[in-house]
C-alpha cells in the first residue's frame, strides 16, 4: 500500500515536546508566484486543513501549537513541502514556484536537516534516493521528518515494501520509546498488507455527493470498481470517462464507486456534471483525510480496487488499459 497508509501514518502520530501553549510561525516568500492560495495540513492526531492566501509572493501563517507536528504545505499544482512545526518556532519558506523541489524551509535543526535531505535527493535515481532515505531515518529517527521520508520513499513505492516499513518503524520506535502511536502504526501496516489480490474487501462507510450513505453491501455487481480521481490528475479523469463508457455497455453488471480527492466539493460536482458521471461518487473536501481512503488502503491518484460479486479483490492499481481489459474479461459473455 502506498499513499493512503502514508497519510494514515502521518495523521496518527503526535510527537509531544512541550506542555506549554505557544505560537508557531511560518513565513513564505516565492518568486514567480504572486497571488494565490495554499493549503496547510496539520497531519497530527488533531488533523486540520487551513487555507493561506499568498499576496505579492508572500504569506504568513501562525497557529497555537501545543506539540511538535508534521505539516504539509500544498501548492496549487498539488506539490507538497513538509514542515516540522514546533511550539514557539519561527520558520522561513523560500524558493521559486517554478522549481518547487528546491524550496527551502529553515529555522530549526529538524527543518534544516529535512530540507538538506530533500535537496540532496532531488536529482538522484529512485534506488539512490531510497538508500539515502533509509540512512536519513536511521540517523534522524526521533525527528517527525522521518514520517515524511517513510511515506514518500517507501509507502509510495509500488508495491510498498512492508517488511522494510516495519523495520524502519522499529528504528523510530526505539528513538521514541513508549510511543503508543508508533506501535499502532506497525499494526496498521500489517493490516493493510492483507488488502491484496485474493483478500476480501473490508467494510467501509461513506457519504456520497448526493448525501446518501454507501457501504460495502452496496457493491453488488458481478464486477465492482472503486476508483480515485481528482481535478489535477488527467489520467484519473480519463479513467472515469472510460468507466462511464463501460458502464453503458455492461449496465448493472458493473458497479462503480468513485472517490474524488479535490479540496472543493463544489468543483468536483461541476466536473461530475460535465462528464456525466452518474454512479456513486464521494467527495467530502478532506482530500487524503477522507475516511474511505483510510478504510480501503487507497494508495495514490489514480488508484483502483476491483472486486467480484462476493467482495473478493481480483485486481488493484490497474492502468486504464489493464482496468478495461479486466472488466471486459470478467463481463463479456
Protein backbone atom coordinates (compact mmCIF):
# COMPACT_ATOMS: atom_id res chain seq x y z
CA UNK A 1 0.00 0.00 0.00
CA UNK A 2 1.25 3.49 -0.61
CA UNK A 3 -0.17 6.89 -0.16
CA UNK A 4 -3.26 6.20 1.89
CA UNK A 5 -1.31 4.38 4.56
CA UNK A 6 1.28 7.13 4.37
CA UNK A 7 -1.38 9.67 5.24
CA UNK A 8 -2.82 7.40 7.94
CA UNK A 9 0.68 7.18 9.33
CA UNK A 10 1.12 10.92 9.35
CA UNK A 11 -2.35 11.51 10.72
CA UNK A 12 -1.98 9.31 13.78
CA UNK A 13 1.43 10.28 15.08
CA UNK A 14 1.78 13.10 17.60
CA UNK A 15 5.26 13.78 18.91
CA UNK A 16 4.93 15.68 22.18
CA UNK A 17 7.69 18.10 23.03
CA UNK A 18 6.14 20.82 25.17
CA UNK A 19 3.38 21.15 27.73
CA UNK A 20 3.09 24.91 27.19
CA UNK A 21 0.90 26.54 24.61
CA UNK A 22 2.90 28.64 22.17
CA UNK A 23 2.72 30.20 18.75
CA UNK A 24 4.26 28.56 15.72
CA UNK A 25 5.00 30.93 12.79
CA UNK A 26 5.69 30.07 9.15
CA UNK A 27 6.51 32.85 6.67
CA UNK A 28 6.90 32.23 2.97
CA UNK A 29 8.42 34.16 0.08
CA UNK A 30 8.34 32.98 -3.54
CA UNK A 31 9.43 34.04 -6.98
CA UNK A 32 7.06 33.51 -9.92
CA UNK A 33 4.04 33.09 -7.65
CA UNK A 34 2.48 36.46 -6.83
CA UNK A 35 -1.13 35.67 -5.97
CA UNK A 36 -2.92 32.51 -4.93
CA UNK A 37 -3.84 30.12 -2.15
CA UNK A 38 -2.00 27.38 -0.34
CA UNK A 39 -3.39 24.56 1.79
CA UNK A 40 -1.64 23.78 5.05
CA UNK A 41 -2.40 20.37 6.52
CA UNK A 42 -1.76 19.60 10.16
CA UNK A 43 -1.17 15.87 9.88
CA UNK A 44 -1.27 15.08 13.58
CA UNK A 45 -3.95 13.38 15.66
CA UNK A 46 -5.87 16.67 15.53
CA UNK A 47 -5.84 16.76 11.75
CA UNK A 48 -6.89 20.09 10.23
CA UNK A 49 -6.71 21.97 6.95
CA UNK A 50 -6.07 25.72 6.70
CA UNK A 51 -6.13 27.92 3.61
CA UNK A 52 -3.48 30.63 3.38
CA UNK A 53 -3.54 33.49 0.88
CA UNK A 54 -0.34 34.49 -0.85
CA UNK A 55 -0.02 38.16 -1.86
CA UNK A 56 2.90 39.74 -3.72
CA UNK A 57 4.70 36.43 -3.44
CA UNK A 58 4.47 36.28 0.36
CA UNK A 59 2.38 34.64 3.07
CA UNK A 60 2.39 34.42 6.84
CA UNK A 61 0.84 31.63 8.88
CA UNK A 62 0.72 31.35 12.66
CA UNK A 63 -1.08 28.94 14.94
CA UNK A 64 -1.23 27.97 18.59
CA UNK A 65 0.87 24.81 18.68
CA UNK A 66 0.99 22.57 21.77
CA UNK A 67 3.00 19.70 20.33
CA UNK A 68 5.52 19.20 17.59
CA UNK A 69 3.65 18.23 14.44
CA UNK A 70 4.32 17.45 10.81
CA UNK A 71 2.62 19.88 8.42
CA UNK A 72 2.26 19.66 4.68
CA UNK A 73 2.12 22.84 2.59
CA UNK A 74 0.23 22.07 -0.62
CA UNK A 75 0.61 24.27 -3.70
CA UNK A 76 -1.96 24.86 -6.49
CA UNK A 77 -0.30 22.14 -8.60
CA UNK A 78 -0.57 19.86 -5.54
CA UNK A 79 3.15 19.68 -4.92
CA UNK A 80 3.78 19.23 -1.20
CA UNK A 81 6.52 20.62 1.04
CA UNK A 82 6.89 19.12 4.54
CA UNK A 83 7.28 21.39 7.56
CA UNK A 84 8.01 20.38 11.15
CA UNK A 85 6.01 22.72 13.40
CA UNK A 86 7.43 23.19 16.90
CA UNK A 87 5.80 25.37 19.59
CA UNK A 88 7.47 28.78 19.63
CA UNK A 89 9.42 28.22 16.42
CA UNK A 90 9.55 30.73 13.56
CA UNK A 91 10.34 29.26 10.14
CA UNK A 92 11.07 30.71 6.71
CA UNK A 93 9.98 29.03 3.48
CA UNK A 94 11.60 30.41 0.35
CA UNK A 95 12.05 29.44 -3.26
CA UNK A 96 10.96 29.69 -6.86
CA UNK A 97 7.48 28.40 -7.64
CA UNK A 98 8.77 27.03 -10.94
CA UNK A 99 11.29 24.86 -9.05
CA UNK A 100 9.37 23.66 -6.01
CA UNK A 101 11.75 20.77 -5.39
CA UNK A 102 14.32 23.39 -4.41
CA UNK A 103 12.15 25.23 -1.87
CA UNK A 104 13.88 25.58 1.50
CA UNK A 105 12.37 25.52 4.99
CA UNK A 106 14.73 26.84 7.65
CA UNK A 107 14.62 27.94 11.28
CA UNK A 108 15.11 24.78 13.36
CA UNK A 109 17.63 21.93 13.16
CA UNK A 110 14.92 19.40 12.25
CA UNK A 111 13.72 21.54 9.34
CA UNK A 112 17.24 22.36 8.22
CA UNK A 113 18.09 18.63 8.10
CA UNK A 114 14.88 17.73 6.28
CA UNK A 115 15.46 20.49 3.73
CA UNK A 116 19.03 19.33 3.22
CA UNK A 117 17.75 15.81 2.61
CA UNK A 118 15.11 16.95 0.08
CA UNK A 119 17.67 18.99 -1.87
CA UNK A 120 20.22 16.19 -1.76
CA UNK A 121 17.91 13.54 -3.24
CA UNK A 122 16.16 15.82 -5.75
CA UNK A 123 18.29 14.65 -8.69
CA UNK A 124 19.03 11.10 -7.52
CA UNK A 125 17.74 7.97 -9.19
CA UNK A 126 14.93 6.17 -7.26
CA UNK A 127 17.29 3.47 -5.87
CA UNK A 128 19.80 6.11 -4.77
CA UNK A 129 17.07 8.23 -3.16
CA UNK A 130 15.63 5.21 -1.33
CA UNK A 131 19.04 4.32 0.07
CA UNK A 132 19.54 7.92 1.21
CA UNK A 133 16.04 7.93 2.73
CA UNK A 134 16.80 4.84 4.79
CA UNK A 135 20.02 6.46 6.05
CA UNK A 136 18.10 9.62 6.97
CA UNK A 137 15.54 7.68 9.01
CA UNK A 138 18.21 5.74 10.85
CA UNK A 139 20.24 8.87 11.62
CA UNK A 140 17.30 11.18 12.42
CA UNK A 141 14.95 8.56 13.84
CA UNK A 142 13.48 10.83 16.54
CA UNK A 143 12.56 13.55 14.05
CA UNK A 144 8.96 13.87 12.76
CA UNK A 145 10.58 14.43 9.37
CA UNK A 146 11.12 10.67 9.23
CA UNK A 147 7.40 10.24 8.68
CA UNK A 148 7.53 12.31 5.51
CA UNK A 149 10.55 10.36 4.29
CA UNK A 150 8.99 6.98 5.13
CA UNK A 151 5.80 7.91 3.30
CA UNK A 152 7.44 9.32 0.18
CA UNK A 153 10.19 6.79 -0.39
CA UNK A 154 8.76 3.55 0.99
CA UNK A 155 4.97 3.72 1.23
CA UNK A 156 4.54 5.31 -2.19
CA UNK A 157 6.67 2.62 -3.78
CA UNK A 158 4.79 0.13 -5.95
CA UNK A 159 4.37 -2.28 -4.34
CA UNK A 160 5.06 -0.95 -0.86
CA UNK A 161 7.76 -2.93 0.96
CA UNK A 162 6.06 -3.59 4.29
CA UNK A 163 8.96 -5.57 5.65
CA UNK A 164 11.17 -2.51 5.22
CA UNK A 165 8.44 -0.21 6.53
CA UNK A 166 8.13 -2.29 9.70
CA UNK A 167 11.91 -2.33 10.16
CA UNK A 168 12.09 1.44 9.88
CA UNK A 169 9.15 1.88 12.24
CA UNK A 170 11.07 -0.25 14.73
CA UNK A 171 14.01 2.15 14.43
CA UNK A 172 11.72 5.12 15.01
CA UNK A 173 10.06 3.39 17.97
CA UNK A 174 13.41 2.83 19.66
CA UNK A 175 14.16 6.53 19.30
CA UNK A 176 10.80 7.38 20.89
CA UNK A 177 10.28 4.63 23.49
CA UNK A 178 6.77 4.27 24.85
CA UNK A 179 5.20 5.95 21.84
CA UNK A 180 1.95 4.01 21.50
CA UNK A 181 1.12 5.66 18.18
CA UNK A 182 4.14 4.09 16.52
CA UNK A 183 3.12 0.67 17.77
CA UNK A 184 -0.35 1.22 16.32
CA UNK A 185 1.19 2.21 13.01
CA UNK A 186 3.10 -1.07 12.81
CA UNK A 187 -0.13 -2.92 13.48
CA UNK A 188 -1.87 -0.97 10.71
CA UNK A 189 0.95 -1.78 8.32
CA UNK A 190 0.28 -5.46 8.87
CA UNK A 191 -3.45 -5.00 8.40
CA UNK A 192 -3.09 -3.03 5.17
CA UNK A 193 -0.68 -5.63 3.87
CA UNK A 194 -3.59 -8.08 3.77
CA UNK A 195 -5.55 -5.84 1.37
CA UNK A 196 -4.12 -7.61 -1.63
CA UNK A 197 -5.48 -9.58 -4.55
CA UNK A 198 -7.35 -12.60 -3.22
CA UNK A 199 -8.36 -10.99 0.07
CA UNK A 200 -11.81 -9.69 0.97
CA UNK A 201 -12.72 -6.02 0.70
CA UNK A 202 -13.04 -4.56 4.23
CA UNK A 203 -16.18 -2.85 5.48
CA UNK A 204 -16.47 0.86 4.80
CA UNK A 205 -18.96 3.70 5.02
CA UNK A 206 -19.06 6.98 3.10
CA UNK A 207 -21.44 9.83 2.28
CA UNK A 208 -21.97 10.45 -1.42
CA UNK A 209 -22.17 13.77 -3.24
CA UNK A 210 -25.97 13.45 -3.16
CA UNK A 211 -26.00 12.99 0.62
CA UNK A 212 -26.79 9.28 0.68
CA UNK A 213 -24.83 6.59 2.53
CA UNK A 214 -22.79 3.95 0.71
CA UNK A 215 -21.26 0.81 2.21
CA UNK A 216 -19.57 -2.37 1.04
CA UNK A 217 -23.00 -4.04 0.83
CA UNK A 218 -24.00 -1.67 -1.99
CA UNK A 219 -21.40 -3.14 -4.35
CA UNK A 220 -23.46 -5.97 -5.80
CA UNK A 221 -22.24 -6.14 -9.38
CA UNK A 222 -20.56 -9.10 -11.00
CA UNK A 223 -17.59 -6.71 -11.15
CA UNK A 224 -17.17 -3.71 -8.83
CA UNK A 225 -14.63 -0.93 -9.26
CA UNK A 226 -13.65 1.55 -6.56
CA UNK A 227 -11.53 4.27 -8.13
CA UNK A 228 -9.88 7.51 -7.04
CA UNK A 229 -9.68 10.65 -9.16
CA UNK A 230 -9.07 14.39 -8.92
CA UNK A 231 -9.23 17.55 -10.99
CA UNK A 232 -5.42 17.75 -11.10
CA UNK A 233 -4.89 14.23 -12.48
CA UNK A 234 -5.76 13.97 -16.17
CA UNK A 235 -5.09 10.24 -16.14
CA UNK A 236 -7.58 9.69 -13.32
CA UNK A 237 -10.23 11.70 -15.19
CA UNK A 238 -9.62 9.64 -18.32
CA UNK A 239 -10.26 6.50 -16.29
CA UNK A 240 -13.57 7.93 -15.10
CA UNK A 241 -14.61 8.65 -18.69
CA UNK A 242 -13.69 5.13 -19.74
CA UNK A 243 -15.61 3.68 -16.80
CA UNK A 244 -18.61 5.70 -17.97
CA UNK A 245 -18.42 4.03 -21.39
CA UNK A 246 -18.03 0.58 -19.88
CA UNK A 247 -20.95 1.18 -17.54
CA UNK A 248 -23.17 1.99 -20.53
CA UNK A 249 -22.02 -1.21 -22.22
CA UNK A 250 -22.36 -3.60 -19.27
CA UNK A 251 -25.10 -1.95 -17.22
CA UNK A 252 -25.63 -3.03 -13.63
CA UNK A 253 -23.24 -5.94 -14.03
CA UNK A 254 -20.55 -3.29 -13.48
CA UNK A 255 -20.92 -1.37 -10.21
CA UNK A 256 -18.83 1.76 -9.71
CA UNK A 257 -17.81 3.83 -6.70
CA UNK A 258 -15.54 6.79 -7.38
CA UNK A 259 -13.84 8.94 -4.75
CA UNK A 260 -12.74 12.46 -5.71
CA UNK A 261 -9.91 13.90 -3.60
CA UNK A 262 -10.46 17.55 -4.52
CA UNK A 263 -10.47 20.03 -1.67
CA UNK A 264 -13.50 21.79 -3.17
CA UNK A 265 -16.60 19.55 -3.35
CA UNK A 266 -18.46 22.09 -5.47
CA UNK A 267 -15.75 21.99 -8.13
CA UNK A 268 -15.92 18.19 -8.03
CA UNK A 269 -19.68 18.32 -8.59
CA UNK A 270 -19.11 20.60 -11.59
CA UNK A 271 -16.74 18.05 -13.13
CA UNK A 272 -19.15 15.23 -12.33
CA UNK A 273 -21.91 17.06 -14.20
CA UNK A 274 -19.59 17.98 -17.09
CA UNK A 275 -18.52 14.37 -17.65
CA UNK A 276 -21.98 12.90 -16.92
CA UNK A 277 -20.72 10.60 -14.17
CA UNK A 278 -23.95 9.02 -13.00
CA UNK A 279 -22.86 6.38 -10.48
CA UNK A 280 -21.98 6.55 -6.78
CA UNK A 281 -19.46 9.33 -6.11
CA UNK A 282 -17.83 10.60 -2.93
CA UNK A 283 -16.14 13.96 -2.32
CA UNK A 284 -16.08 15.48 1.17
CA UNK A 285 -13.32 18.05 0.59
CA UNK A 286 -10.97 16.37 3.07
CA UNK A 287 -8.70 15.09 0.32
CA UNK A 288 -6.29 12.49 1.77
CA UNK A 289 -8.10 12.71 5.11
CA UNK A 290 -11.28 11.28 3.52
CA UNK A 291 -12.26 8.35 5.79
CA UNK A 292 -12.98 5.85 3.00
CA UNK A 293 -9.44 6.37 1.69
CA UNK A 294 -8.05 5.16 5.01
CA UNK A 295 -10.61 2.36 5.36
CA UNK A 296 -9.70 0.88 1.99
CA UNK A 297 -5.95 1.49 1.95
CA UNK A 298 -6.24 3.54 -1.24
CA UNK A 299 -2.75 4.40 -2.31
CA UNK A 300 -2.43 7.10 -4.97
CA UNK A 301 -4.09 9.07 -7.75
CA UNK A 302 -5.15 7.33 -9.87
CA UNK A 303 -5.77 4.12 -7.96
CA UNK A 304 -8.44 1.45 -8.01
CA UNK A 305 -9.69 -1.74 -6.41
CA UNK A 306 -11.61 -4.33 -8.44
CA UNK A 307 -13.79 -6.92 -6.68
CA UNK A 308 -16.14 -9.70 -7.69
CA UNK A 309 -19.74 -10.07 -6.53
CA UNK A 310 -18.57 -11.70 -3.29
CA UNK A 311 -16.31 -8.80 -2.35
CA UNK A 312 -13.11 -10.66 -3.23
CA UNK A 313 -10.36 -8.36 -4.52
CA UNK A 314 -9.44 -9.53 -8.02
CA UNK A 315 -7.16 -6.63 -9.02
CA UNK A 316 -5.55 -3.47 -7.62
CA UNK A 317 -3.88 -0.37 -9.01
CA UNK A 318 -4.57 -1.09 -12.69
CA UNK A 319 -3.76 1.30 -15.52
CA UNK A 320 -6.59 2.48 -17.75
CA UNK A 321 -5.82 -0.18 -20.38
CA UNK A 322 -5.45 -3.01 -17.86
CA UNK A 323 -8.58 -1.94 -15.99
CA UNK A 324 -10.62 -2.06 -19.19
CA UNK A 325 -9.18 -5.49 -20.04
CA UNK A 326 -10.01 -6.85 -16.58
CA UNK A 327 -13.61 -5.62 -16.74
CA UNK A 328 -14.14 -6.99 -20.25
CA UNK A 329 -12.53 -10.28 -19.30
CA UNK A 330 -14.95 -10.76 -16.40
CA UNK A 331 -18.13 -9.43 -18.03
CA UNK A 332 -18.02 -10.44 -21.69
CA UNK A 333 -20.33 -13.33 -22.42
